Amino acid sequence: MGLVLLLILHLTLLLTPSTTKAKPTNGFSVDIFHGDSPLSPFYSPSMNRTEAIIRAAMDSISRSNSLLNLDNTESPIVHPSSRSSNYLMKMSIGLAADDIRFGWNSSNKVGFSNLVFGCGHKNTWLPRKSTYYATGIVGLGISPLSFVSQLSPQIGRIFSYCLPPLYSNSSGKLTFGSESTQSAFGNISTPMVIKNYTYYYVTLDAISVNDFREEANPPTGGNMIVDSGTFLTMLDSRLYYRVKDQIISAIPNWALQKPVPPFKLCYSNLTNVDMPLLTFHLAGGDLTLDESNYMYTFADSDLACVAIVPRKGTSILGIISQIDYKVEYDLDRKTISFGPADCTRV
């Protein structure tokens, strides 16, 4: 039976036996896929997409509630929960030699030795109704002992991921080392704000809906987390309701529908409607979101809901707003970069 580890960036690792090992020179990439994807061992064919998306949205609320006090502690303690959005990848560990290997077959496996692992005695994370059990946490944070920091002498402290649509039959990519480096076209780069070793913070200055700009108030440094464990994007409530009003003004009122919880704003019959463009003005550059990065259309109806909701405190850039972007974390330069990509083809 495979073992499961939960990464601090909420990328879950599915471990399986392997026998080969190669040393990468410039880095390496591994396939990743969402826990509810048809590629996942946790995929439930009996659950339709509407149910799955509502569950993912509710999971976002639960995860958000657990983060309410994260700004009030230097190193917040995070209790991973089954009620969150996870990504899977395949790897193996040879415990005797602290050897870790990645890859799907003998032709593309890469491995590393002498990595430090701690010991957990009460790892509570468990995939929903799954026979796969959690054995620990692997961190991709900025801590000197995080997994990415331990790889740095060989491949550098840089990694990226590219997330395909949630229910795609294609996997995305998690890339470590210089292979992760962004190309120049269409990229924006924003400084990391280091508050603790657990989360990656950036500064959100404002949000524009078409040409109408709403300032983050106050625009303090590190007021947004880039999170791959939360499906919804969440805004500090003081900013959210002003952005919501601008979205309502930009879309015809006749299309408004009663929202499906936990969504706050839903529409129908939007096929021939010009949807507004949302721009997140980050320190250092503008992240532009088209309809697919802030709106979810339910597959079994014409209902579409804005996948941005309010929360108290720090805003969160969730999975929905990162799909089909290559998101790169450079821990030495202390930057996070976003580049548009077709993540089903990376």
C-alpha atoms as a PDB file:
ATOM      1  CA  MET A   1       0.000   0.000   0.000  1.00  0.00           C
ATOM      2  CA  GLY A   2       1.301   3.480  -0.811  1.00  0.00           C
ATOM      3  CA  LEU A   3       2.077   6.044   1.839  1.00  0.00           C
ATOM      4  CA  VAL A   4       0.851   9.637   1.696  1.00  0.00           C
ATOM      5  CA  LEU A   5       2.708  12.773   2.758  1.00  0.00           C
ATOM      6  CA  LEU A   6       1.202  16.251   2.883  1.00  0.00           C
ATOM      7  CA  LEU A   7       3.384  19.145   1.695  1.00  0.00           C
ATOM      8  CA  ILE A   8       3.090  22.481   3.430  1.00  0.00           C
ATOM      9  CA  LEU A   9       2.074  24.021   0.095  1.00  0.00           C
ATOM     10  CA  HIS A  10      -0.690  21.427   0.205  1.00  0.00           C
ATOM     11  CA  LEU A  11       0.744  19.280  -2.555  1.00  0.00           C
ATOM     12  CA  THR A  12       0.097  15.741  -1.363  1.00  0.00           C
ATOM     13  CA  LEU A  13       2.647  13.084  -2.250  1.00  0.00           C
ATOM     14  CA  LEU A  14       1.606   9.561  -3.191  1.00  0.00           C
ATOM     15  CA  LEU A  15       4.531   7.247  -2.443  1.00  0.00           C
ATOM     16  CA  THR A  16       5.160   3.988  -4.287  1.00  0.00           C
ATOM     17  CA  PRO A  17       8.109   1.577  -4.491  1.00  0.00           C
ATOM     18  CA  SER A  18      10.956   2.355  -6.900  1.00  0.00           C
ATOM     19  CA  THR A  19      14.289   0.760  -7.678  1.00  0.00           C
ATOM     20  CA  THR A  20      16.275   3.198  -9.835  1.00  0.00           C
ATOM     21  CA  LYS A  21      18.037   6.443  -9.114  1.00  0.00           C
ATOM     22  CA  ALA A  22      19.630   9.187 -11.207  1.00  0.00           C
ATOM     23  CA  LYS A  23      21.156  12.506 -10.209  1.00  0.00           C
ATOM     24  CA  PRO A  24      19.601  15.577 -11.889  1.00  0.00           C
ATOM     25  CA  THR A  25      21.859  18.418 -12.972  1.00  0.00           C
ATOM     26  CA  ASN A  26      19.537  21.371 -13.597  1.00  0.00           C
ATOM     27  CA  GLY A  27      16.500  20.149 -11.715  1.00  0.00           C
ATOM     28  CA  PHE A  28      13.558  17.902 -12.436  1.00  0.00           C
ATOM     29  CA  SER A  29       9.795  17.849 -12.905  1.00  0.00           C
ATOM     30  CA  VAL A  30       7.098  15.515 -11.635  1.00  0.00           C
ATOM     31  CA  ASP A  31       3.458  15.129 -12.626  1.00  0.00           C
ATOM     32  CA  ILE A  32       0.804  16.434 -10.222  1.00  0.00           C
ATOM     33  CA  PHE A  33      -2.974  16.170 -10.256  1.00  0.00           C
ATOM     34  CA  HIS A  34      -5.820  17.299  -8.039  1.00  0.00           C
ATOM     35  CA  GLY A  35      -7.229  14.880  -5.469  1.00  0.00           C
ATOM     36  CA  ASP A  36     -10.642  14.991  -7.181  1.00  0.00           C
ATOM     37  CA  SER A  37      -9.192  14.535 -10.669  1.00  0.00           C
ATOM     38  CA  PRO A  38     -10.033  11.366 -12.631  1.00  0.00           C
ATOM     39  CA  LEU A  39      -6.284  10.638 -12.386  1.00  0.00           C
ATOM     40  CA  SER A  40      -6.439  10.506  -8.593  1.00  0.00           C
ATOM     41  CA  PRO A  41      -6.714   7.297  -6.534  1.00  0.00           C
ATOM     42  CA  PHE A  42      -9.162   9.270  -4.373  1.00  0.00           C
ATOM     43  CA  TYR A  43     -11.438  10.096  -7.319  1.00  0.00           C
ATOM     44  CA  SER A  44     -15.081   9.215  -6.667  1.00  0.00           C
ATOM     45  CA  PRO A  45     -17.038   8.580  -9.893  1.00  0.00           C
ATOM     46  CA  SER A  46     -20.275   8.637  -7.883  1.00  0.00           C
ATOM     47  CA  MET A  47     -19.797  12.322  -7.018  1.00  0.00           C
ATOM     48  CA  ASN A  48     -20.806  14.718  -9.780  1.00  0.00           C
ATOM     49  CA  ARG A  49     -18.804  17.861 -10.478  1.00  0.00           C
ATOM     50  CA  THR A  50     -21.345  20.185  -8.894  1.00  0.00           C
ATOM     51  CA  GLU A  51     -21.109  18.291  -5.607  1.00  0.00           C
ATOM     52  CA  ALA A  52     -17.316  18.184  -5.838  1.00  0.00           C
ATOM     53  CA  ILE A  53     -16.972  21.916  -6.491  1.00  0.00           C
ATOM     54  CA  ILE A  54     -19.352  22.858  -3.685  1.00  0.00           C
ATOM     55  CA  ARG A  55     -17.369  20.571  -1.391  1.00  0.00           C
ATOM     56  CA  ALA A  56     -14.092  22.171  -2.508  1.00  0.00           C
ATOM     57  CA  ALA A  57     -15.601  25.600  -1.881  1.00  0.00           C
ATOM     58  CA  MET A  58     -16.798  24.593   1.577  1.00  0.00           C
ATOM     59  CA  ASP A  59     -13.360  23.111   2.263  1.00  0.00           C
ATOM     60  CA  SER A  60     -11.894  26.523   1.425  1.00  0.00           C
ATOM     61  CA  ILE A  61     -14.029  28.121   4.114  1.00  0.00           C
ATOM     62  CA  SER A  62     -12.934  25.518   6.666  1.00  0.00           C
ATOM     63  CA  ARG A  63      -9.269  25.992   5.773  1.00  0.00           C
ATOM     64  CA  SER A  64      -9.672  29.764   5.891  1.00  0.00           C
ATOM     65  CA  ASN A  65     -11.167  29.563   9.373  1.00  0.00           C
ATOM     66  CA  SER A  66      -8.120  27.628  10.564  1.00  0.00           C
ATOM     67  CA  LEU A  67      -5.895  30.455   9.302  1.00  0.00           C
ATOM     68  CA  LEU A  68      -7.674  33.305  11.079  1.00  0.00           C
ATOM     69  CA  ASN A  69      -4.894  33.807  13.619  1.00  0.00           C
ATOM     70  CA  LEU A  70      -1.939  33.193  11.295  1.00  0.00           C
ATOM     71  CA  ASP A  71      -0.897  36.857  11.426  1.00  0.00           C
ATOM     72  CA  ASN A  72      -0.743  36.822  15.204  1.00  0.00           C
ATOM     73  CA  THR A  73       2.015  34.249  15.598  1.00  0.00           C
ATOM     74  CA  GLU A  74       5.570  34.061  14.336  1.00  0.00           C
ATOM     75  CA  SER A  75       5.343  30.374  13.356  1.00  0.00           C
ATOM     76  CA  PRO A  76       1.692  29.282  13.156  1.00  0.00           C
ATOM     77  CA  ILE A  77       0.925  25.638  13.819  1.00  0.00           C
ATOM     78  CA  VAL A  78      -1.036  24.185  10.930  1.00  0.00           C
ATOM     79  CA  HIS A  79      -3.227  21.132  11.320  1.00  0.00           C
ATOM     80  CA  PRO A  80      -3.795  19.745   7.821  1.00  0.00           C
ATOM     81  CA  SER A  81      -7.355  18.605   7.311  1.00  0.00           C
ATOM     82  CA  SER A  82      -9.202  16.289   5.001  1.00  0.00           C
ATOM     83  CA  ARG A  83     -11.361  19.318   4.276  1.00  0.00           C
ATOM     84  CA  SER A  84      -8.967  20.995   1.869  1.00  0.00           C
ATOM     85  CA  SER A  85      -7.843  20.866  -1.748  1.00  0.00           C
ATOM     86  CA  ASN A  86      -4.848  18.655  -2.364  1.00  0.00           C
ATOM     87  CA  TYR A  87      -2.557  17.784  -5.245  1.00  0.00           C
ATOM     88  CA  LEU A  88      -0.919  14.399  -5.655  1.00  0.00           C
ATOM     89  CA  MET A  89       2.395  13.230  -7.018  1.00  0.00           C
ATOM     90  CA  LYS A  90       4.286   9.962  -7.003  1.00  0.00           C
ATOM     91  CA  MET A  91       7.522   9.440  -5.072  1.00  0.00           C
ATOM     92  CA  SER A  92       9.282   6.833  -2.976  1.00  0.00           C
ATOM     93  CA  ILE A  93      11.410   6.886   0.138  1.00  0.00           C
ATOM     94  CA  GLY A  94      14.175   4.506   1.196  1.00  0.00           C
ATOM     95  CA  LEU A  95      14.020   5.158   4.923  1.00  0.00           C
ATOM     96  CA  ALA A  96      17.284   3.432   5.803  1.00  0.00           C
ATOM     97  CA  ALA A  97      19.369   5.791   3.679  1.00  0.00           C
ATOM     98  CA  ASP A  98      17.099   8.859   3.875  1.00  0.00           C
ATOM     99  CA  ASP A  99      16.837   8.470   0.121  1.00  0.00           C
ATOM    100  CA  ILE A 100      13.947  10.036  -1.799  1.00  0.00           C
ATOM    101  CA  ARG A 101      13.034   9.402  -5.416  1.00  0.00           C
ATOM    102  CA  PHE A 102      10.553  10.915  -7.841  1.00  0.00           C
ATOM    103  CA  GLY A 103       9.032   9.727 -11.075  1.00  0.00           C
ATOM    104  CA  TRP A 104       6.624   7.331 -12.684  1.00  0.00           C
ATOM    105  CA  ASN A 105       8.938   4.797 -14.320  1.00  0.00           C
ATOM    106  CA  SER A 106      12.571   3.759 -14.443  1.00  0.00           C
ATOM    107  CA  SER A 107      13.345   6.000 -17.413  1.00  0.00           C
ATOM    108  CA  ASN A 108      12.525   9.287 -15.664  1.00  0.00           C
ATOM    109  CA  LYS A 109      13.195   8.681 -11.971  1.00  0.00           C
ATOM    110  CA  VAL A 110      15.527  11.028 -10.113  1.00  0.00           C
ATOM    111  CA  GLY A 111      16.754  10.621  -6.564  1.00  0.00           C
ATOM    112  CA  PHE A 112      18.497  12.366  -3.663  1.00  0.00           C
ATOM    113  CA  SER A 113      20.244  11.021  -0.584  1.00  0.00           C
ATOM    114  CA  ASN A 114      20.991  12.244   2.927  1.00  0.00           C
ATOM    115  CA  LEU A 115      17.849  14.295   3.356  1.00  0.00           C
ATOM    116  CA  VAL A 116      16.675  15.013   6.888  1.00  0.00           C
ATOM    117  CA  PHE A 117      13.234  13.787   7.935  1.00  0.00           C
ATOM    118  CA  GLY A 118      11.602  14.277  11.302  1.00  0.00           C
ATOM    119  CA  CYS A 119       9.289  11.845  13.057  1.00  0.00           C
ATOM    120  CA  GLY A 120       5.559  12.352  13.559  1.00  0.00           C
ATOM    121  CA  HIS A 121       3.503  10.378  16.053  1.00  0.00           C
ATOM    122  CA  LYS A 122       0.071  11.896  15.473  1.00  0.00           C
ATOM    123  CA  ASN A 123      -0.416  12.883  11.837  1.00  0.00           C
ATOM    124  CA  THR A 124      -4.111  13.606  11.618  1.00  0.00           C
ATOM    125  CA  TRP A 125      -4.486  14.369   7.913  1.00  0.00           C
ATOM    126  CA  LEU A 126      -6.506  11.718   6.095  1.00  0.00           C
ATOM    127  CA  PRO A 127      -7.965  11.896   2.572  1.00  0.00           C
ATOM    128  CA  ARG A 128     -11.720  11.708   2.545  1.00  0.00           C
ATOM    129  CA  LYS A 129     -12.846   8.132   3.265  1.00  0.00           C
ATOM    130  CA  SER A 130      -9.597   6.801   1.857  1.00  0.00           C
ATOM    131  CA  THR A 131      -7.546   3.716   2.628  1.00  0.00           C
ATOM    132  CA  TYR A 132      -4.351   5.792   2.139  1.00  0.00           C
ATOM    133  CA  TYR A 133      -2.979   7.020   5.451  1.00  0.00           C
ATOM    134  CA  ALA A 134      -0.862  10.082   6.193  1.00  0.00           C
ATOM    135  CA  THR A 135       2.663   9.526   7.486  1.00  0.00           C
ATOM    136  CA  GLY A 136       4.000  13.058   7.749  1.00  0.00           C
ATOM    137  CA  ILE A 137       4.500  16.499   6.250  1.00  0.00           C
ATOM    138  CA  VAL A 138       7.047  17.598   3.665  1.00  0.00           C
ATOM    139  CA  GLY A 139       7.619  21.369   3.610  1.00  0.00           C
ATOM    140  CA  LEU A 140       8.189  23.565   0.583  1.00  0.00           C
ATOM    141  CA  GLY A 141       8.487  26.659   2.743  1.00  0.00           C
ATOM    142  CA  ILE A 142      11.436  29.001   3.202  1.00  0.00           C
ATOM    143  CA  SER A 143      12.746  27.292   6.355  1.00  0.00           C
ATOM    144  CA  PRO A 144      16.384  26.073   6.187  1.00  0.00           C
ATOM    145  CA  LEU A 145      15.115  22.541   6.868  1.00  0.00           C
ATOM    146  CA  SER A 146      12.310  22.558   4.293  1.00  0.00           C
ATOM    147  CA  PHE A 147      12.459  20.023   1.504  1.00  0.00           C
ATOM    148  CA  VAL A 148      13.265  22.624  -1.151  1.00  0.00           C
ATOM    149  CA  SER A 149      16.026  24.126   1.015  1.00  0.00           C
ATOM    150  CA  GLN A 150      17.620  20.706   1.513  1.00  0.00           C
ATOM    151  CA  LEU A 151      17.710  20.203  -2.265  1.00  0.00           C
ATOM    152  CA  SER A 152      19.323  23.617  -2.810  1.00  0.00           C
ATOM    153  CA  PRO A 153      23.013  22.545  -2.793  1.00  0.00           C
ATOM    154  CA  GLN A 154      22.302  20.377  -5.844  1.00  0.00           C
ATOM    155  CA  ILE A 155      19.614  22.256  -7.768  1.00  0.00           C
ATOM    156  CA  GLY A 156      19.078  25.642  -6.085  1.00  0.00           C
ATOM    157  CA  ARG A 157      16.242  27.064  -3.986  1.00  0.00           C
ATOM    158  CA  ILE A 158      13.688  27.504  -6.717  1.00  0.00           C
ATOM    159  CA  PHE A 159      10.556  25.583  -7.669  1.00  0.00           C
ATOM    160  CA  SER A 160       7.341  26.104  -9.597  1.00  0.00           C
ATOM    161  CA  TYR A 161       4.032  24.458 -10.299  1.00  0.00           C
ATOM    162  CA  CYS A 162       1.535  24.626 -13.141  1.00  0.00           C
ATOM    163  CA  LEU A 163      -2.015  23.614 -12.220  1.00  0.00           C
ATOM    164  CA  PRO A 164      -4.425  22.411 -14.935  1.00  0.00           C
ATOM    165  CA  PRO A 165      -8.211  22.743 -14.564  1.00  0.00           C
ATOM    166  CA  LEU A 166      -9.428  20.652 -11.636  1.00  0.00           C
ATOM    167  CA  TYR A 167     -11.183  17.975 -13.653  1.00  0.00           C
ATOM    168  CA  SER A 168      -8.755  17.774 -16.523  1.00  0.00           C
ATOM    169  CA  ASN A 169      -7.572  14.358 -17.668  1.00  0.00           C
ATOM    170  CA  SER A 170      -4.102  15.878 -17.976  1.00  0.00           C
ATOM    171  CA  SER A 171      -1.628  16.225 -15.139  1.00  0.00           C
ATOM    172  CA  GLY A 172       0.161  19.435 -14.226  1.00  0.00           C
ATOM    173  CA  LYS A 173       3.801  19.836 -13.226  1.00  0.00           C
ATOM    174  CA  LEU A 174       5.784  20.496 -10.068  1.00  0.00           C
ATOM    175  CA  THR A 175       9.325  21.523 -11.040  1.00  0.00           C
ATOM    176  CA  PHE A 176      12.443  21.952  -8.910  1.00  0.00           C
ATOM    177  CA  GLY A 177      15.697  23.707  -9.782  1.00  0.00           C
ATOM    178  CA  SER A 178      16.687  25.789 -12.786  1.00  0.00           C
ATOM    179  CA  GLU A 179      14.245  23.874 -15.003  1.00  0.00           C
ATOM    180  CA  SER A 180      11.659  25.876 -13.104  1.00  0.00           C
ATOM    181  CA  THR A 181      12.884  29.249 -14.417  1.00  0.00           C
ATOM    182  CA  GLN A 182      10.216  31.315 -16.129  1.00  0.00           C
ATOM    183  CA  SER A 183      10.443  32.501 -19.722  1.00  0.00           C
ATOM    184  CA  ALA A 184      10.046  36.247 -20.153  1.00  0.00           C
ATOM    185  CA  PHE A 185       6.783  36.391 -22.113  1.00  0.00           C
ATOM    186  CA  GLY A 186       3.827  37.672 -20.131  1.00  0.00           C
ATOM    187  CA  ASN A 187       5.426  37.165 -16.722  1.00  0.00           C
ATOM    188  CA  ILE A 188       5.049  39.315 -13.648  1.00  0.00           C
ATOM    189  CA  SER A 189       7.174  39.046 -10.530  1.00  0.00           C
ATOM    190  CA  THR A 190       6.281  40.202  -7.033  1.00  0.00           C
ATOM    191  CA  PRO A 191       8.412  40.259  -3.855  1.00  0.00           C
ATOM    192  CA  MET A 192       7.806  37.710  -1.112  1.00  0.00           C
ATOM    193  CA  VAL A 193       7.082  39.170   2.290  1.00  0.00           C
ATOM    194  CA  ILE A 194       8.567  36.899   4.949  1.00  0.00           C
ATOM    195  CA  LYS A 195       6.332  36.673   8.013  1.00  0.00           C
ATOM    196  CA  ASN A 196       6.937  33.059   9.001  1.00  0.00           C
ATOM    197  CA  TYR A 197       8.258  29.807   7.550  1.00  0.00           C
ATOM    198  CA  THR A 198       4.812  28.413   6.763  1.00  0.00           C
ATOM    199  CA  TYR A 199       3.162  30.584   4.108  1.00  0.00           C
ATOM    200  CA  TYR A 200       4.202  32.716   1.159  1.00  0.00           C
ATOM    201  CA  TYR A 201       2.937  36.285   1.442  1.00  0.00           C
ATOM    202  CA  VAL A 202       2.787  38.970  -1.243  1.00  0.00           C
ATOM    203  CA  THR A 203       1.477  42.535  -1.260  1.00  0.00           C
ATOM    204  CA  LEU A 204      -1.842  43.295  -2.952  1.00  0.00           C
ATOM    205  CA  ASP A 205      -2.106  47.026  -3.682  1.00  0.00           C
ATOM    206  CA  ALA A 206      -5.496  47.071  -5.386  1.00  0.00           C
ATOM    207  CA  ILE A 207      -7.967  45.173  -7.615  1.00  0.00           C
ATOM    208  CA  SER A 208      -9.463  46.524 -10.831  1.00  0.00           C
ATOM    209  CA  VAL A 209     -12.713  45.353 -12.401  1.00  0.00           C
ATOM    210  CA  ASN A 210     -12.267  46.500 -15.992  1.00  0.00           C
ATOM    211  CA  ASP A 211     -11.190  50.131 -15.507  1.00  0.00           C
ATOM    212  CA  PHE A 212     -12.552  50.601 -11.984  1.00  0.00           C
ATOM    213  CA  ARG A 213      -9.818  50.291  -9.366  1.00  0.00           C
ATOM    214  CA  GLU A 214     -10.446  49.491  -5.712  1.00  0.00           C
ATOM    215  CA  GLU A 215      -7.536  50.027  -3.341  1.00  0.00           C
ATOM    216  CA  ALA A 216      -6.619  47.469  -0.708  1.00  0.00           C
ATOM    217  CA  ASN A 217      -7.303  49.281   2.525  1.00  0.00           C
ATOM    218  CA  PRO A 218      -4.862  49.518   4.113  1.00  0.00           C
ATOM    219  CA  PRO A 219      -2.352  48.317   1.462  1.00  0.00           C
ATOM    220  CA  THR A 220      -0.020  46.808   4.046  1.00  0.00           C
ATOM    221  CA  GLY A 221       2.936  44.652   3.039  1.00  0.00           C
ATOM    222  CA  GLY A 222       2.207  40.926   2.952  1.00  0.00           C
ATOM    223  CA  ASN A 223      -1.585  41.230   2.960  1.00  0.00           C
ATOM    224  CA  MET A 224      -2.182  38.211   0.671  1.00  0.00           C
ATOM    225  CA  ILE A 225      -1.144  34.541   0.811  1.00  0.00           C
ATOM    226  CA  VAL A 226      -0.480  32.565  -2.373  1.00  0.00           C
ATOM    227  CA  ASP A 227      -2.018  29.206  -1.445  1.00  0.00           C
ATOM    228  CA  SER A 228      -2.311  25.952  -3.384  1.00  0.00           C
ATOM    229  CA  GLY A 229      -4.487  24.362  -0.690  1.00  0.00           C
ATOM    230  CA  THR A 230      -7.537  26.628  -1.030  1.00  0.00           C
ATOM    231  CA  PHE A 231      -9.833  26.372  -4.045  1.00  0.00           C
ATOM    232  CA  LEU A 232     -11.521  29.760  -3.661  1.00  0.00           C
ATOM    233  CA  THR A 233      -9.799  33.125  -3.800  1.00  0.00           C
ATOM    234  CA  MET A 234     -10.637  35.089  -0.665  1.00  0.00           C
ATOM    235  CA  LEU A 235     -10.432  38.813  -0.078  1.00  0.00           C
ATOM    236  CA  ASP A 236     -10.385  40.803   3.119  1.00  0.00           C
ATOM    237  CA  SER A 237     -14.050  41.679   3.587  1.00  0.00           C
ATOM    238  CA  ARG A 238     -13.424  45.444   3.422  1.00  0.00           C
ATOM    239  CA  LEU A 239     -12.039  45.014  -0.101  1.00  0.00           C
ATOM    240  CA  TYR A 240     -14.319  42.155  -1.162  1.00  0.00           C
ATOM    241  CA  TYR A 241     -17.624  44.053  -0.976  1.00  0.00           C
ATOM    242  CA  ARG A 242     -16.275  46.954  -3.032  1.00  0.00           C
ATOM    243  CA  VAL A 243     -14.995  44.527  -5.684  1.00  0.00           C
ATOM    244  CA  LYS A 244     -18.300  42.645  -5.579  1.00  0.00           C
ATOM    245  CA  ASP A 245     -20.223  45.878  -6.255  1.00  0.00           C
ATOM    246  CA  GLN A 246     -18.015  46.552  -9.300  1.00  0.00           C
ATOM    247  CA  ILE A 247     -18.627  43.033 -10.653  1.00  0.00           C
ATOM    248  CA  ILE A 248     -22.381  43.467 -10.196  1.00  0.00           C
ATOM    249  CA  SER A 249     -22.195  46.765 -12.098  1.00  0.00           C
ATOM    250  CA  ALA A 250     -20.298  45.093 -14.955  1.00  0.00           C
ATOM    251  CA  ILE A 251     -22.690  42.157 -15.525  1.00  0.00           C
ATOM    252  CA  PRO A 252     -26.373  42.573 -16.532  1.00  0.00           C
ATOM    253  CA  ASN A 253     -28.742  42.327 -13.566  1.00  0.00           C
ATOM    254  CA  TRP A 254     -31.096  39.995 -15.423  1.00  0.00           C
ATOM    255  CA  ALA A 255     -28.488  37.260 -15.186  1.00  0.00           C
ATOM    256  CA  LEU A 256     -28.288  37.359 -11.375  1.00  0.00           C
ATOM    257  CA  GLN A 257     -29.355  34.187  -9.578  1.00  0.00           C
ATOM    258  CA  LYS A 258     -29.740  33.170  -5.964  1.00  0.00           C
ATOM    259  CA  PRO A 259     -26.217  32.198  -4.872  1.00  0.00           C
ATOM    260  CA  VAL A 260     -25.355  28.628  -3.946  1.00  0.00           C
ATOM    261  CA  PRO A 261     -23.516  28.602  -0.591  1.00  0.00           C
ATOM    262  CA  PRO A 262     -20.707  29.293   0.068  1.00  0.00           C
ATOM    263  CA  PHE A 263     -20.617  31.381  -3.145  1.00  0.00           C
ATOM    264  CA  LYS A 264     -21.887  34.935  -2.720  1.00  0.00           C
ATOM    265  CA  LEU A 265     -22.575  35.912  -6.348  1.00  0.00           C
ATOM    266  CA  CYS A 266     -24.038  33.652  -9.061  1.00  0.00           C
ATOM    267  CA  TYR A 267     -25.384  34.148 -12.579  1.00  0.00           C
ATOM    268  CA  SER A 268     -27.006  32.194 -15.402  1.00  0.00           C
ATOM    269  CA  ASN A 269     -27.148  32.472 -19.204  1.00  0.00           C
ATOM    270  CA  LEU A 270     -23.799  34.250 -19.538  1.00  0.00           C
ATOM    271  CA  THR A 271     -22.900  32.721 -22.911  1.00  0.00           C
ATOM    272  CA  ASN A 272     -23.240  35.985 -24.858  1.00  0.00           C
ATOM    273  CA  VAL A 273     -22.250  38.331 -22.035  1.00  0.00           C
ATOM    274  CA  ASP A 274     -18.912  40.163 -22.073  1.00  0.00           C
ATOM    275  CA  MET A 275     -17.391  39.281 -18.731  1.00  0.00           C
ATOM    276  CA  PRO A 276     -15.275  41.829 -16.859  1.00  0.00           C
ATOM    277  CA  LEU A 277     -11.520  41.498 -16.611  1.00  0.00           C
ATOM    278  CA  LEU A 278     -10.121  41.400 -13.079  1.00  0.00           C
ATOM    279  CA  THR A 279      -6.621  42.674 -12.372  1.00  0.00           C
ATOM    280  CA  PHE A 280      -4.838  42.024  -9.102  1.00  0.00           C
ATOM    281  CA  HIS A 281      -2.330  44.854  -8.731  1.00  0.00           C
ATOM    282  CA  LEU A 282       0.546  43.238  -6.865  1.00  0.00           C
ATOM    283  CA  ALA A 283       3.717  44.977  -5.795  1.00  0.00           C
ATOM    284  CA  GLY A 284       5.919  44.633  -8.863  1.00  0.00           C
ATOM    285  CA  GLY A 285       3.295  43.755 -11.464  1.00  0.00           C
ATOM    286  CA  ASP A 286      -0.324  43.135 -12.440  1.00  0.00           C
ATOM    287  CA  LEU A 287      -1.874  39.653 -12.395  1.00  0.00           C
ATOM    288  CA  THR A 288      -4.735  39.639 -14.904  1.00  0.00           C
ATOM    289  CA  LEU A 289      -7.567  37.165 -14.405  1.00  0.00           C
ATOM    290  CA  ASP A 290     -10.013  36.307 -17.134  1.00  0.00           C
ATOM    291  CA  GLU A 291     -13.374  34.673 -16.483  1.00  0.00           C
ATOM    292  CA  SER A 292     -11.934  31.179 -15.981  1.00  0.00           C
ATOM    293  CA  ASN A 293      -9.734  32.404 -13.118  1.00  0.00           C
ATOM    294  CA  TYR A 294     -12.482  33.919 -10.991  1.00  0.00           C
ATOM    295  CA  MET A 295     -15.716  32.273 -12.179  1.00  0.00           C
ATOM    296  CA  TYR A 296     -16.786  28.640 -11.996  1.00  0.00           C
ATOM    297  CA  THR A 297     -19.447  27.348 -14.389  1.00  0.00           C
ATOM    298  CA  PHE A 298     -21.205  24.211 -13.209  1.00  0.00           C
ATOM    299  CA  ALA A 299     -21.005  21.434 -15.781  1.00  0.00           C
ATOM    300  CA  ASP A 300     -24.567  20.200 -15.339  1.00  0.00           C
ATOM    301  CA  SER A 301     -26.285  23.612 -15.602  1.00  0.00           C
ATOM    302  CA  ASP A 302     -25.797  27.130 -16.949  1.00  0.00           C
ATOM    303  CA  LEU A 303     -25.146  28.430 -13.447  1.00  0.00           C
ATOM    304  CA  ALA A 304     -21.852  30.279 -12.957  1.00  0.00           C
ATOM    305  CA  CYS A 305     -20.618  31.603  -9.620  1.00  0.00           C
ATOM    306  CA  VAL A 306     -17.879  34.073  -8.762  1.00  0.00           C
ATOM    307  CA  ALA A 307     -15.222  31.995  -6.974  1.00  0.00           C
ATOM    308  CA  ILE A 308     -14.131  34.919  -4.810  1.00  0.00           C
ATOM    309  CA  VAL A 309     -15.562  35.245  -1.307  1.00  0.00           C
ATOM    310  CA  PRO A 310     -14.903  37.441   1.740  1.00  0.00           C
ATOM    311  CA  ARG A 311     -12.869  36.554   4.807  1.00  0.00           C
ATOM    312  CA  LYS A 312     -11.660  38.369   7.874  1.00  0.00           C
ATOM    313  CA  GLY A 313      -8.030  39.422   7.600  1.00  0.00           C
ATOM    314  CA  THR A 314      -5.330  38.317   5.173  1.00  0.00           C
ATOM    315  CA  SER A 315      -6.518  37.725   1.592  1.00  0.00           C
ATOM    316  CA  ILE A 316      -5.785  34.404  -0.132  1.00  0.00           C
ATOM    317  CA  LEU A 317      -5.000  33.835  -3.800  1.00  0.00           C
ATOM    318  CA  GLY A 318      -6.572  30.413  -4.269  1.00  0.00           C
ATOM    319  CA  ILE A 319      -6.279  27.606  -6.801  1.00  0.00           C
ATOM    320  CA  ILE A 320      -9.004  28.955  -9.105  1.00  0.00           C
ATOM    321  CA  SER A 321      -6.936  32.082  -9.766  1.00  0.00           C
ATOM    322  CA  GLN A 322      -3.712  30.136 -10.384  1.00  0.00           C
ATOM    323  CA  ILE A 323      -5.019  27.600 -12.908  1.00  0.00           C
ATOM    324  CA  ASP A 324      -3.112  27.773 -16.204  1.00  0.00           C
ATOM    325  CA  TYR A 325      -0.391  29.932 -14.679  1.00  0.00           C
ATOM    326  CA  LYS A 326       3.142  28.766 -14.032  1.00  0.00           C
ATOM    327  CA  VAL A 327       3.790  29.959 -10.489  1.00  0.00           C
ATOM    328  CA  GLU A 328       7.470  30.158  -9.587  1.00  0.00           C
ATOM    329  CA  TYR A 329       8.958  30.540  -6.100  1.00  0.00           C
ATOM    330  CA  ASP A 330      12.559  31.792  -6.038  1.00  0.00           C
ATOM    331  CA  LEU A 331      13.634  31.571  -2.405  1.00  0.00           C
ATOM    332  CA  ASP A 332      17.015  33.224  -2.954  1.00  0.00           C
ATOM    333  CA  ARG A 333      15.659  36.239  -4.823  1.00  0.00           C
ATOM    334  CA  LYS A 334      12.567  36.146  -2.595  1.00  0.00           C
ATOM    335  CA  THR A 335      10.149  36.568  -5.486  1.00  0.00           C
ATOM    336  CA  ILE A 336       7.014  34.839  -6.737  1.00  0.00           C
ATOM    337  CA  SER A 337       6.410  34.999 -10.488  1.00  0.00           C
ATOM    338  CA  PHE A 338       3.330  34.258 -12.570  1.00  0.00           C
ATOM    339  CA  GLY A 339       3.439  33.355 -16.249  1.00  0.00           C
ATOM    340  CA  PRO A 340       0.427  32.319 -18.395  1.00  0.00           C
ATOM    341  CA  ALA A 341       0.637  28.719 -19.588  1.00  0.00           C
ATOM    342  CA  ASP A 342      -1.459  25.832 -20.846  1.00  0.00           C
ATOM    343  CA  CYS A 343      -0.845  23.589 -17.858  1.00  0.00           C
ATOM    344  CA  THR A 344      -2.345  20.565 -19.608  1.00  0.00           C
ATOM    345  CA  ARG A 345       0.603  20.672 -22.039  1.00  0.00           C
ATOM    346  CA  VAL A 346       3.608  21.523 -19.849  1.00  0.00           C
END
